[in-house]
Protein backbone atom coordinates (compact mmCIF):
# COMPACT_ATOMS: atom_id res chain seq x y z
CA UNK A 1 17.53 -170.33 -34.39
CA UNK A 2 14.24 -170.25 -32.37
CA UNK A 3 11.68 -172.44 -33.60
CA UNK A 4 8.20 -170.56 -33.90
CA UNK A 5 4.64 -171.67 -34.49
CA UNK A 6 3.14 -171.70 -37.90
CA UNK A 7 0.69 -169.10 -38.79
CA UNK A 8 -2.72 -170.26 -38.36
CA UNK A 9 -5.21 -169.79 -41.56
CA UNK A 10 -7.70 -167.51 -41.08
CA UNK A 11 -11.48 -169.03 -41.19
CA UNK A 12 -12.15 -166.86 -44.36
CA UNK A 13 -9.70 -168.13 -46.57
CA UNK A 14 -9.88 -171.64 -45.36
CA UNK A 15 -13.78 -171.72 -46.11
CA UNK A 16 -13.20 -169.85 -49.88
CA UNK A 17 -10.33 -172.74 -50.35
CA UNK A 18 -12.94 -175.30 -49.42
CA UNK A 19 -15.51 -173.49 -51.55
CA UNK A 20 -13.71 -173.47 -54.42
CA UNK A 21 -13.32 -176.91 -54.30
CA UNK A 22 -14.91 -179.06 -57.87
CA UNK A 23 -17.33 -181.02 -55.80
CA UNK A 24 -17.73 -177.94 -52.92
CA UNK A 25 -21.11 -177.53 -55.21
CA UNK A 26 -24.55 -179.28 -54.29
CA UNK A 27 -25.74 -179.99 -57.54
CA UNK A 28 -25.77 -178.16 -60.75
CA UNK A 29 -27.84 -175.37 -61.72
CA UNK A 30 -30.43 -175.89 -65.01
CA UNK A 31 -33.01 -173.44 -65.21
CA UNK A 32 -34.86 -173.01 -62.21
CA UNK A 33 -34.09 -176.69 -61.51
CA UNK A 34 -30.60 -178.73 -59.70
CA UNK A 35 -29.13 -181.44 -61.16
CA UNK A 36 -28.19 -183.69 -58.43
CA UNK A 37 -26.53 -187.74 -58.42
CA UNK A 38 -28.34 -190.59 -56.55
CA UNK A 39 -27.32 -194.21 -56.24
CA UNK A 40 -30.32 -196.63 -56.99
CA UNK A 41 -29.78 -200.44 -57.25
CA UNK A 42 -29.70 -201.58 -60.14
CA UNK A 43 -33.66 -203.18 -60.14
CA UNK A 44 -35.03 -200.22 -58.32
CA UNK A 45 -33.58 -198.43 -61.98
CA UNK A 46 -35.28 -201.49 -64.41
CA UNK A 47 -38.22 -200.43 -62.55
CA UNK A 48 -38.47 -196.62 -62.63
CA UNK A 49 -37.59 -197.31 -66.37
CA UNK A 50 -40.38 -200.09 -67.10
CA UNK A 51 -42.81 -196.53 -65.41
CA UNK A 52 -41.69 -194.26 -66.94
CA UNK A 53 -42.42 -196.14 -70.46
CA UNK A 54 -46.20 -196.64 -69.48
CA UNK A 55 -46.32 -193.39 -68.18
CA UNK A 56 -44.74 -191.81 -71.19
CA UNK A 57 -42.23 -190.04 -69.27
CA UNK A 58 -38.34 -189.21 -68.91
CA UNK A 59 -36.62 -190.96 -65.88
CA UNK A 60 -35.94 -187.82 -64.59
CA UNK A 61 -39.52 -187.20 -64.55
CA UNK A 62 -40.66 -190.19 -62.50
CA UNK A 63 -38.40 -189.28 -59.96
CA UNK A 64 -39.33 -185.82 -59.62
CA UNK A 65 -42.93 -186.57 -59.48
CA UNK A 66 -42.33 -189.18 -56.89
CA UNK A 67 -40.21 -187.04 -55.00
CA UNK A 68 -43.15 -184.11 -54.91
CA UNK A 69 -45.26 -186.84 -53.78
CA UNK A 70 -43.23 -187.96 -51.16
CA UNK A 71 -43.24 -184.49 -50.19
CA UNK A 72 -47.20 -183.54 -50.26
CA UNK A 73 -48.41 -186.45 -49.10
CA UNK A 74 -45.72 -188.30 -46.81
CA UNK A 75 -43.81 -191.48 -46.81
CA UNK A 76 -45.59 -194.31 -45.79
CA UNK A 77 -42.87 -197.33 -45.14
CA UNK A 78 -45.23 -201.15 -45.09
CA UNK A 79 -43.58 -204.11 -43.81
CA UNK A 80 -42.54 -206.54 -46.23
CA UNK A 81 -43.47 -210.10 -45.85
CA UNK A 82 -40.32 -212.39 -44.25
């Protein structure tokens, strides 16, 4: 019996397989927006929640507002005290 090489998968079928995976999508479409997941420290989340209460906004709205401001005005990183 002869030894034969296995057939190489075609690129289209590999891409289709990967694309069908549950984690292949980058966020869930919610109307005109896309839902994503982020990870933040507990202290940061406490601060975001306090700001949201102060502004009368949801946590998601505060994140969205902060990201829009970041994109419009850029990011300024200041050195902290040591």
